[in-house]
């Protein structure tokens, strides 16, 4: 099952809305930022930069997180590196257009 590691009033709203709109089963896991949980060794295994949110899926090993504020997301899987996913996303181009 997908897990959304979140904190209220944070950048977690967009992935939360996306999961709801897609009807994807997921579990919300509160990251107590006020208590420094985003800097704990367990959380830093998910996102070495300690940023919130993180999407993870134990079934596939997928972990999706932001490398720094206002940056693109980084994706890592057991078989592909973050660099591979960045190259793939760059080749894919935009997924929507405004008109």
N, C-alpha and C. Protein backbone atom coordinates (compact mmCIF):
# COMPACT_ATOMS: atom_id res chain seq x y z
N UNK A 1 0.84 -1.18 0.00
CA UNK A 1 0.00 0.00 0.00
C UNK A 1 0.89 1.25 0.00
N UNK A 2 0.43 2.26 -0.70
CA UNK A 2 1.15 3.54 -0.74
C UNK A 2 1.00 4.24 0.60
N UNK A 3 2.08 4.88 1.02
CA UNK A 3 2.07 5.65 2.26
C UNK A 3 2.43 7.09 1.95
N UNK A 4 1.63 8.01 2.47
CA UNK A 4 1.91 9.43 2.35
C UNK A 4 2.40 9.92 3.70
N UNK A 5 3.68 10.25 3.75
CA UNK A 5 4.28 10.81 4.96
C UNK A 5 4.05 12.32 4.86
N UNK A 6 3.28 12.88 5.77
CA UNK A 6 2.82 14.25 5.61
C UNK A 6 2.90 15.04 6.91
N UNK A 7 2.72 16.34 6.78
CA UNK A 7 2.51 17.23 7.91
C UNK A 7 1.50 18.28 7.45
N UNK A 8 0.49 18.60 8.26
CA UNK A 8 -0.52 19.58 7.84
C UNK A 8 0.11 20.94 7.50
N UNK A 9 -0.52 21.65 6.61
CA UNK A 9 -0.06 22.98 6.18
C UNK A 9 1.34 22.91 5.60
N UNK A 10 1.62 21.85 4.89
CA UNK A 10 2.92 21.66 4.27
C UNK A 10 2.68 21.36 2.79
N UNK A 11 3.71 20.98 2.07
CA UNK A 11 3.58 20.66 0.65
C UNK A 11 2.87 19.34 0.42
N UNK A 12 2.29 18.76 1.44
CA UNK A 12 1.64 17.46 1.34
C UNK A 12 0.29 17.50 0.65
N UNK A 13 -0.27 18.68 0.46
CA UNK A 13 -1.62 18.79 -0.08
C UNK A 13 -1.74 18.23 -1.49
N UNK A 14 -0.80 18.52 -2.36
CA UNK A 14 -0.90 18.09 -3.76
C UNK A 14 -0.89 16.57 -3.89
N UNK A 15 0.08 15.84 -3.28
CA UNK A 15 -0.01 14.38 -3.41
C UNK A 15 -1.26 13.81 -2.73
N UNK A 16 -1.71 14.46 -1.67
CA UNK A 16 -2.93 14.00 -0.99
C UNK A 16 -4.13 14.13 -1.93
N UNK A 17 -4.28 15.26 -2.58
CA UNK A 17 -5.38 15.46 -3.53
C UNK A 17 -5.27 14.46 -4.68
N UNK A 18 -4.08 14.27 -5.21
CA UNK A 18 -3.88 13.34 -6.31
C UNK A 18 -4.32 11.92 -5.93
N UNK A 19 -3.89 11.45 -4.76
CA UNK A 19 -4.27 10.10 -4.33
C UNK A 19 -5.78 9.99 -4.16
N UNK A 20 -6.41 11.02 -3.60
CA UNK A 20 -7.86 11.00 -3.42
C UNK A 20 -8.58 10.98 -4.76
N UNK A 21 -8.16 11.83 -5.69
CA UNK A 21 -8.81 11.91 -7.00
C UNK A 21 -8.65 10.61 -7.78
N UNK A 22 -7.51 9.96 -7.65
CA UNK A 22 -7.29 8.70 -8.36
C UNK A 22 -8.00 7.53 -7.69
N UNK A 23 -8.44 7.73 -6.46
CA UNK A 23 -9.08 6.65 -5.73
C UNK A 23 -8.10 5.55 -5.32
N UNK A 24 -6.85 5.92 -5.22
CA UNK A 24 -5.80 4.96 -4.87
C UNK A 24 -5.79 4.71 -3.38
N UNK A 25 -5.83 3.46 -2.96
CA UNK A 25 -5.73 3.19 -1.52
C UNK A 25 -4.36 3.65 -1.00
N UNK A 26 -4.36 4.33 0.11
CA UNK A 26 -3.12 4.79 0.71
C UNK A 26 -3.33 4.99 2.20
N UNK A 27 -2.21 5.13 2.89
CA UNK A 27 -2.25 5.36 4.33
C UNK A 27 -1.48 6.65 4.61
N UNK A 28 -2.07 7.52 5.41
CA UNK A 28 -1.39 8.75 5.81
C UNK A 28 -0.59 8.50 7.08
N UNK A 29 0.65 8.94 7.06
CA UNK A 29 1.51 8.82 8.23
C UNK A 29 1.99 10.22 8.62
N UNK A 30 1.54 10.69 9.75
CA UNK A 30 1.90 12.02 10.23
C UNK A 30 3.37 12.06 10.62
N UNK A 31 4.10 13.03 10.09
CA UNK A 31 5.49 13.27 10.45
C UNK A 31 5.48 14.48 11.38
N UNK A 32 5.72 14.26 12.64
CA UNK A 32 5.66 15.34 13.64
C UNK A 32 6.85 16.28 13.48
N UNK A 33 6.70 17.22 12.57
CA UNK A 33 7.77 18.17 12.28
C UNK A 33 8.14 18.99 13.50
N UNK A 34 7.15 19.34 14.32
CA UNK A 34 7.43 20.17 15.51
C UNK A 34 8.28 19.42 16.53
N UNK A 35 8.31 18.10 16.44
CA UNK A 35 9.12 17.29 17.34
C UNK A 35 10.40 16.78 16.66
N UNK A 36 10.64 17.25 15.43
CA UNK A 36 11.85 16.87 14.71
C UNK A 36 11.83 15.49 14.09
N UNK A 37 10.64 14.91 13.90
CA UNK A 37 10.55 13.56 13.34
C UNK A 37 11.12 13.49 11.91
N UNK A 38 11.09 14.61 11.19
CA UNK A 38 11.61 14.62 9.82
C UNK A 38 13.14 14.57 9.78
N UNK A 39 13.78 14.68 10.93
CA UNK A 39 15.23 14.57 11.01
C UNK A 39 15.67 13.28 11.71
N UNK A 40 14.71 12.40 11.98
CA UNK A 40 15.02 11.13 12.65
C UNK A 40 15.72 10.20 11.66
N UNK A 41 16.53 9.26 12.16
CA UNK A 41 17.20 8.31 11.26
C UNK A 41 16.23 7.53 10.38
N UNK A 42 15.06 7.18 10.93
CA UNK A 42 14.08 6.42 10.15
C UNK A 42 13.56 7.23 8.97
N UNK A 43 13.24 8.52 9.23
CA UNK A 43 12.71 9.36 8.15
C UNK A 43 13.80 9.69 7.14
N UNK A 44 15.02 9.92 7.61
CA UNK A 44 16.11 10.25 6.70
C UNK A 44 16.46 9.10 5.78
N UNK A 45 16.06 7.88 6.11
CA UNK A 45 16.21 6.76 5.19
C UNK A 45 15.27 6.92 3.99
N UNK A 46 14.11 7.55 4.21
CA UNK A 46 13.17 7.80 3.12
C UNK A 46 13.59 9.02 2.31
N UNK A 47 13.91 10.11 2.99
CA UNK A 47 14.36 11.33 2.33
C UNK A 47 15.58 11.85 3.07
N UNK A 48 16.77 11.66 2.50
CA UNK A 48 18.00 12.07 3.17
C UNK A 48 18.06 13.56 3.47
N UNK A 49 17.20 14.36 2.82
CA UNK A 49 17.18 15.80 3.06
C UNK A 49 16.20 16.20 4.16
N UNK A 50 15.40 15.25 4.63
CA UNK A 50 14.48 15.53 5.72
C UNK A 50 13.31 16.41 5.35
N UNK A 51 12.93 16.43 4.08
CA UNK A 51 11.81 17.26 3.65
C UNK A 51 10.51 16.45 3.64
N UNK A 52 9.41 17.14 3.82
CA UNK A 52 8.08 16.55 3.83
C UNK A 52 7.34 17.13 2.63
N UNK A 53 6.59 16.33 1.88
CA UNK A 53 6.13 14.96 2.06
C UNK A 53 7.05 13.95 1.39
N UNK A 54 6.75 12.68 1.66
CA UNK A 54 7.35 11.54 0.97
C UNK A 54 6.22 10.57 0.64
N UNK A 55 6.25 10.06 -0.57
CA UNK A 55 5.35 8.96 -0.95
C UNK A 55 6.20 7.70 -1.03
N UNK A 56 5.74 6.63 -0.42
CA UNK A 56 6.49 5.37 -0.48
C UNK A 56 5.51 4.23 -0.71
N UNK A 57 6.03 3.17 -1.30
CA UNK A 57 5.23 1.98 -1.55
C UNK A 57 6.09 0.77 -1.22
N UNK A 58 5.76 0.10 -0.12
CA UNK A 58 6.53 -1.06 0.29
C UNK A 58 6.44 -2.20 -0.72
N UNK A 59 5.34 -2.30 -1.42
CA UNK A 59 5.15 -3.40 -2.38
C UNK A 59 6.12 -3.30 -3.55
N UNK A 60 6.40 -2.09 -4.01
CA UNK A 60 7.27 -1.90 -5.17
C UNK A 60 8.65 -1.37 -4.80
N UNK A 61 8.78 -0.84 -3.59
CA UNK A 61 10.04 -0.22 -3.19
C UNK A 61 10.18 1.21 -3.67
N UNK A 62 9.15 1.76 -4.30
CA UNK A 62 9.19 3.12 -4.82
C UNK A 62 9.20 4.13 -3.68
N UNK A 63 10.07 5.12 -3.79
CA UNK A 63 10.10 6.23 -2.84
C UNK A 63 10.18 7.51 -3.67
N UNK A 64 9.26 8.43 -3.43
CA UNK A 64 9.20 9.69 -4.17
C UNK A 64 9.30 10.82 -3.17
N UNK A 65 10.28 11.70 -3.36
CA UNK A 65 10.49 12.80 -2.41
C UNK A 65 11.12 14.00 -3.10
N UNK A 66 11.09 15.12 -2.42
CA UNK A 66 11.71 16.34 -2.93
C UNK A 66 13.14 16.42 -2.40
N UNK A 67 14.05 16.82 -3.29
CA UNK A 67 15.45 16.95 -2.88
C UNK A 67 15.70 18.25 -2.14
N UNK A 68 15.00 19.29 -2.50
CA UNK A 68 15.14 20.58 -1.83
C UNK A 68 13.84 21.36 -2.05
N UNK A 69 13.58 22.36 -1.22
CA UNK A 69 12.34 23.13 -1.40
C UNK A 69 12.24 23.68 -2.83
N UNK A 70 11.03 23.67 -3.35
CA UNK A 70 10.71 24.19 -4.69
C UNK A 70 11.47 23.48 -5.81
N UNK A 71 11.81 22.23 -5.62
CA UNK A 71 12.50 21.49 -6.67
C UNK A 71 11.58 20.41 -7.21
N UNK A 72 12.03 19.80 -8.28
CA UNK A 72 11.30 18.66 -8.81
C UNK A 72 11.44 17.49 -7.85
N UNK A 73 10.57 16.53 -7.98
CA UNK A 73 10.62 15.36 -7.10
C UNK A 73 11.72 14.40 -7.56
N UNK A 74 12.22 13.64 -6.63
CA UNK A 74 13.18 12.59 -6.90
C UNK A 74 12.51 11.25 -6.67
N UNK A 75 12.74 10.36 -7.57
CA UNK A 75 12.13 9.03 -7.48
C UNK A 75 13.25 8.00 -7.47
N UNK A 76 13.13 7.01 -6.62
CA UNK A 76 14.08 5.91 -6.60
C UNK A 76 13.30 4.61 -6.47
N UNK A 77 13.74 3.61 -7.17
CA UNK A 77 13.15 2.28 -7.07
C UNK A 77 14.28 1.29 -6.85
N UNK A 78 13.96 0.07 -6.46
CA UNK A 78 15.03 -0.91 -6.25
C UNK A 78 15.88 -1.18 -7.49
N UNK A 79 15.32 -0.96 -8.67
CA UNK A 79 16.05 -1.29 -9.90
C UNK A 79 16.52 -0.07 -10.69
N UNK A 80 16.08 1.12 -10.31
CA UNK A 80 16.45 2.33 -11.06
C UNK A 80 16.90 3.43 -10.10
N UNK A 81 17.93 4.16 -10.50
CA UNK A 81 18.46 5.23 -9.67
C UNK A 81 17.66 6.51 -9.88
N UNK A 82 17.80 7.49 -8.96
CA UNK A 82 17.15 8.78 -9.18
C UNK A 82 17.58 9.43 -10.51
N UNK A 83 18.85 9.27 -10.89
CA UNK A 83 19.32 9.86 -12.15
C UNK A 83 18.58 9.25 -13.34
N UNK A 84 18.33 7.95 -13.32
CA UNK A 84 17.58 7.31 -14.41
C UNK A 84 16.19 7.93 -14.52
N UNK A 85 15.51 8.10 -13.39
CA UNK A 85 14.16 8.66 -13.40
C UNK A 85 14.17 10.10 -13.88
N UNK A 86 15.18 10.89 -13.53
CA UNK A 86 15.27 12.28 -14.01
C UNK A 86 15.44 12.30 -15.52
N UNK A 87 16.31 11.42 -16.06
CA UNK A 87 16.50 11.37 -17.52
C UNK A 87 15.20 10.97 -18.21
N UNK A 88 14.50 9.98 -17.64
CA UNK A 88 13.23 9.54 -18.22
C UNK A 88 12.22 10.69 -18.22
N UNK A 89 12.11 11.42 -17.11
CA UNK A 89 11.16 12.53 -17.03
C UNK A 89 11.53 13.63 -18.01
N UNK A 90 12.81 13.89 -18.20
CA UNK A 90 13.24 14.93 -19.13
C UNK A 90 12.89 14.55 -20.57
N UNK A 91 13.00 13.28 -20.92
CA UNK A 91 12.65 12.82 -22.27
C UNK A 91 11.15 12.81 -22.49
N UNK A 92 10.40 12.61 -21.42
CA UNK A 92 8.95 12.49 -21.54
C UNK A 92 8.29 13.81 -21.87
N UNK A 93 8.89 14.91 -21.46
CA UNK A 93 8.31 16.22 -21.74
C UNK A 93 7.13 16.49 -20.84
N UNK A 94 6.43 17.59 -21.09
CA UNK A 94 5.29 17.96 -20.25
C UNK A 94 4.15 16.95 -20.38
N UNK A 95 3.43 16.78 -19.28
CA UNK A 95 2.33 15.83 -19.31
C UNK A 95 1.00 16.52 -19.58
N UNK A 96 0.98 17.83 -19.56
CA UNK A 96 -0.26 18.54 -19.88
C UNK A 96 0.09 19.89 -20.49
N UNK A 97 -0.86 20.46 -21.16
CA UNK A 97 -0.66 21.78 -21.75
C UNK A 97 -1.81 22.68 -21.34
N UNK A 98 -1.55 23.95 -21.32
CA UNK A 98 -2.64 24.89 -21.06
C UNK A 98 -3.04 25.53 -22.37
N UNK A 99 -4.26 25.89 -22.48
CA UNK A 99 -4.62 26.38 -23.77
C UNK A 99 -5.67 27.37 -23.74
